[in-house]
């Protein structure tokens, strides 16, 4: 079963990479871009067949390694 994990910075945490991309978009002529936030997308293939157990395992992976829960949020989709 595949778990799809989205990791994003929490609101209020500075995102210098997002700022750099925002400025680059402006310099390329894309007007109207208010803010850019950069995150990560991770796919994990699990041997689990039970969706609830797979989600629980993926969330545990996020808390222990994949996300810095002090400054990042994560969401997990299993399917």
N, C-alpha and C. Protein backbone atom coordinates (compact mmCIF):
# COMPACT_ATOMS: atom_id res chain seq x y z
N UNK A 1 0.85 -1.17 0.00
CA UNK A 1 0.00 0.00 0.00
C UNK A 1 0.90 1.23 0.00
N UNK A 2 0.49 2.25 -0.73
CA UNK A 2 1.29 3.45 -0.86
C UNK A 2 0.76 4.55 0.08
N UNK A 3 1.69 5.18 0.80
CA UNK A 3 1.37 6.33 1.64
C UNK A 3 1.96 7.56 0.98
N UNK A 4 1.15 8.59 0.83
CA UNK A 4 1.59 9.86 0.26
C UNK A 4 1.66 10.87 1.40
N UNK A 5 2.84 11.45 1.60
CA UNK A 5 3.08 12.35 2.71
C UNK A 5 3.40 13.75 2.18
N UNK A 6 2.70 14.74 2.68
CA UNK A 6 2.97 16.14 2.36
C UNK A 6 3.50 16.80 3.62
N UNK A 7 4.67 17.43 3.51
CA UNK A 7 5.29 18.12 4.63
C UNK A 7 5.41 19.59 4.26
N UNK A 8 4.87 20.47 5.11
CA UNK A 8 4.93 21.90 4.86
C UNK A 8 5.36 22.63 6.12
N UNK A 9 5.91 23.82 5.93
CA UNK A 9 6.29 24.64 7.08
C UNK A 9 5.03 25.16 7.77
N UNK A 10 5.10 25.26 9.09
CA UNK A 10 3.98 25.83 9.84
C UNK A 10 3.88 27.32 9.53
N UNK A 11 2.67 27.87 9.69
CA UNK A 11 2.48 29.30 9.52
C UNK A 11 3.37 30.05 10.50
N UNK A 12 3.96 31.13 10.03
CA UNK A 12 4.83 31.93 10.89
C UNK A 12 6.29 31.54 10.81
N UNK A 13 6.60 30.39 10.24
CA UNK A 13 7.99 29.97 10.07
C UNK A 13 8.51 30.58 8.77
N UNK A 14 9.65 31.27 8.85
CA UNK A 14 10.21 31.88 7.65
C UNK A 14 10.60 30.81 6.63
N UNK A 15 10.39 31.14 5.35
CA UNK A 15 10.68 30.22 4.26
C UNK A 15 11.56 30.93 3.24
N UNK A 16 12.88 30.97 3.47
CA UNK A 16 13.76 31.67 2.53
C UNK A 16 13.75 31.07 1.12
N UNK A 17 13.58 29.76 1.01
CA UNK A 17 13.52 29.14 -0.31
C UNK A 17 12.26 29.60 -1.04
N UNK A 18 11.17 29.67 -0.34
CA UNK A 18 9.92 30.16 -0.93
C UNK A 18 10.05 31.61 -1.37
N UNK A 19 10.70 32.44 -0.55
CA UNK A 19 10.93 33.85 -0.91
C UNK A 19 11.76 33.95 -2.19
N UNK A 20 12.82 33.14 -2.28
CA UNK A 20 13.68 33.16 -3.47
C UNK A 20 12.89 32.78 -4.72
N UNK A 21 12.06 31.75 -4.62
CA UNK A 21 11.24 31.33 -5.75
C UNK A 21 10.24 32.43 -6.11
N UNK A 22 9.65 33.06 -5.10
CA UNK A 22 8.71 34.16 -5.35
C UNK A 22 9.36 35.30 -6.11
N UNK A 23 10.58 35.68 -5.70
CA UNK A 23 11.31 36.74 -6.40
C UNK A 23 11.66 36.32 -7.83
N UNK A 24 12.04 35.06 -8.01
CA UNK A 24 12.37 34.56 -9.35
C UNK A 24 11.14 34.60 -10.25
N UNK A 25 9.99 34.22 -9.71
CA UNK A 25 8.77 34.27 -10.51
C UNK A 25 8.45 35.69 -10.94
N UNK A 26 8.62 36.65 -10.01
CA UNK A 26 8.42 38.06 -10.34
C UNK A 26 9.34 38.49 -11.47
N UNK A 27 10.63 38.12 -11.36
CA UNK A 27 11.60 38.54 -12.38
C UNK A 27 11.33 37.88 -13.73
N UNK A 28 10.62 36.77 -13.74
CA UNK A 28 10.23 36.12 -14.99
C UNK A 28 8.93 36.67 -15.56
N UNK A 29 8.35 37.66 -14.88
CA UNK A 29 7.16 38.31 -15.40
C UNK A 29 5.84 37.79 -14.86
N UNK A 30 5.88 36.91 -13.87
CA UNK A 30 4.64 36.40 -13.27
C UNK A 30 4.21 37.37 -12.18
N UNK A 31 3.26 38.23 -12.51
CA UNK A 31 2.79 39.21 -11.52
C UNK A 31 1.62 38.62 -10.75
N UNK A 32 1.35 39.18 -9.60
CA UNK A 32 0.21 38.73 -8.82
C UNK A 32 0.50 37.57 -7.88
N UNK A 33 1.76 37.14 -7.80
CA UNK A 33 2.11 36.06 -6.87
C UNK A 33 2.33 36.70 -5.51
N UNK A 34 1.46 36.39 -4.56
CA UNK A 34 1.54 37.00 -3.23
C UNK A 34 2.57 36.33 -2.33
N UNK A 35 2.60 35.01 -2.35
CA UNK A 35 3.48 34.29 -1.44
C UNK A 35 3.77 32.91 -2.02
N UNK A 36 4.96 32.40 -1.76
CA UNK A 36 5.33 31.06 -2.18
C UNK A 36 5.88 30.33 -0.95
N UNK A 37 5.38 29.14 -0.71
CA UNK A 37 5.87 28.30 0.39
C UNK A 37 6.34 26.99 -0.23
N UNK A 38 7.49 26.53 0.18
CA UNK A 38 8.07 25.31 -0.35
C UNK A 38 7.87 24.18 0.66
N UNK A 39 7.50 23.02 0.17
CA UNK A 39 7.32 21.84 1.03
C UNK A 39 7.92 20.62 0.36
N UNK A 40 7.58 19.46 0.89
CA UNK A 40 8.08 18.20 0.34
C UNK A 40 6.92 17.23 0.15
N UNK A 41 7.08 16.38 -0.85
CA UNK A 41 6.12 15.31 -1.10
C UNK A 41 6.91 14.01 -1.09
N UNK A 42 6.48 13.06 -0.27
CA UNK A 42 7.20 11.79 -0.10
C UNK A 42 6.21 10.65 -0.32
N UNK A 43 6.60 9.67 -1.13
CA UNK A 43 5.80 8.46 -1.30
C UNK A 43 6.54 7.31 -0.62
N UNK A 44 5.79 6.55 0.18
CA UNK A 44 6.36 5.40 0.88
C UNK A 44 5.52 4.18 0.53
N UNK A 45 6.15 3.16 -0.02
CA UNK A 45 5.45 1.92 -0.33
C UNK A 45 5.57 1.00 0.88
N UNK A 46 4.42 0.57 1.41
CA UNK A 46 4.37 -0.26 2.61
C UNK A 46 3.84 -1.65 2.29
N UNK A 47 4.28 -2.64 3.06
CA UNK A 47 3.79 -4.01 2.90
C UNK A 47 2.43 -4.21 3.58
N UNK A 48 1.91 -3.20 4.18
CA UNK A 48 0.65 -3.28 4.94
C UNK A 48 -0.54 -3.33 3.98
N UNK A 49 -1.56 -4.14 4.32
CA UNK A 49 -2.78 -4.21 3.52
C UNK A 49 -3.95 -3.48 4.19
N UNK A 50 -3.84 -3.23 5.48
CA UNK A 50 -4.88 -2.52 6.23
C UNK A 50 -4.59 -1.02 6.15
N UNK A 51 -5.54 -0.25 5.60
CA UNK A 51 -5.33 1.18 5.38
C UNK A 51 -5.10 1.94 6.69
N UNK A 52 -5.83 1.60 7.73
CA UNK A 52 -5.67 2.28 9.01
C UNK A 52 -4.29 2.05 9.59
N UNK A 53 -3.81 0.81 9.51
CA UNK A 53 -2.47 0.49 10.02
C UNK A 53 -1.39 1.17 9.18
N UNK A 54 -1.60 1.22 7.87
CA UNK A 54 -0.64 1.87 6.99
C UNK A 54 -0.55 3.36 7.30
N UNK A 55 -1.70 4.00 7.52
CA UNK A 55 -1.70 5.42 7.86
C UNK A 55 -1.02 5.66 9.20
N UNK A 56 -1.31 4.82 10.16
CA UNK A 56 -0.68 4.93 11.47
C UNK A 56 0.85 4.79 11.37
N UNK A 57 1.30 3.84 10.57
CA UNK A 57 2.74 3.64 10.38
C UNK A 57 3.38 4.85 9.71
N UNK A 58 2.73 5.38 8.68
CA UNK A 58 3.27 6.54 7.97
C UNK A 58 3.30 7.77 8.87
N UNK A 59 2.28 7.96 9.69
CA UNK A 59 2.27 9.09 10.62
C UNK A 59 3.38 8.95 11.65
N UNK A 60 3.63 7.74 12.10
CA UNK A 60 4.73 7.50 13.03
C UNK A 60 6.07 7.83 12.37
N UNK A 61 6.23 7.45 11.10
CA UNK A 61 7.45 7.78 10.35
C UNK A 61 7.64 9.30 10.28
N UNK A 62 6.54 10.01 10.08
CA UNK A 62 6.62 11.47 10.00
C UNK A 62 7.07 12.07 11.33
N UNK A 63 6.47 11.60 12.41
CA UNK A 63 6.82 12.14 13.74
C UNK A 63 8.27 11.83 14.12
N UNK A 64 8.78 10.67 13.65
CA UNK A 64 10.12 10.25 14.05
C UNK A 64 11.23 10.70 13.10
N UNK A 65 10.91 10.89 11.80
CA UNK A 65 11.97 11.17 10.84
C UNK A 65 11.59 12.14 9.72
N UNK A 66 10.47 11.91 9.09
CA UNK A 66 10.17 12.62 7.84
C UNK A 66 9.83 14.09 8.01
N UNK A 67 9.33 14.48 9.18
CA UNK A 67 8.96 15.88 9.42
C UNK A 67 9.56 16.35 10.74
N UNK A 68 9.98 17.60 10.75
CA UNK A 68 10.40 18.24 12.00
C UNK A 68 9.15 18.89 12.58
N UNK A 69 8.51 18.22 13.50
CA UNK A 69 7.19 18.66 13.98
C UNK A 69 7.24 19.97 14.77
N UNK A 70 8.42 20.45 15.09
CA UNK A 70 8.53 21.76 15.76
C UNK A 70 8.19 22.86 14.76
N UNK A 71 8.63 22.72 13.51
CA UNK A 71 8.42 23.79 12.52
C UNK A 71 7.61 23.34 11.31
N UNK A 72 7.26 22.05 11.22
CA UNK A 72 6.56 21.56 10.04
C UNK A 72 5.27 20.82 10.40
N UNK A 73 4.32 20.92 9.50
CA UNK A 73 3.09 20.12 9.55
C UNK A 73 3.22 19.00 8.53
N UNK A 74 2.45 17.94 8.73
CA UNK A 74 2.41 16.87 7.73
C UNK A 74 1.00 16.35 7.59
N UNK A 75 0.72 15.80 6.41
CA UNK A 75 -0.53 15.10 6.20
C UNK A 75 -0.22 13.82 5.45
N UNK A 76 -1.03 12.79 5.71
CA UNK A 76 -0.79 11.47 5.12
C UNK A 76 -2.06 11.01 4.42
N UNK A 77 -1.91 10.55 3.17
CA UNK A 77 -2.99 9.90 2.43
C UNK A 77 -2.53 8.48 2.14
N UNK A 78 -3.43 7.54 2.32
CA UNK A 78 -3.11 6.14 2.04
C UNK A 78 -4.07 5.62 0.99
N UNK A 79 -3.54 4.91 0.03
CA UNK A 79 -4.42 4.37 -0.99
C UNK A 79 -3.70 3.53 -1.99
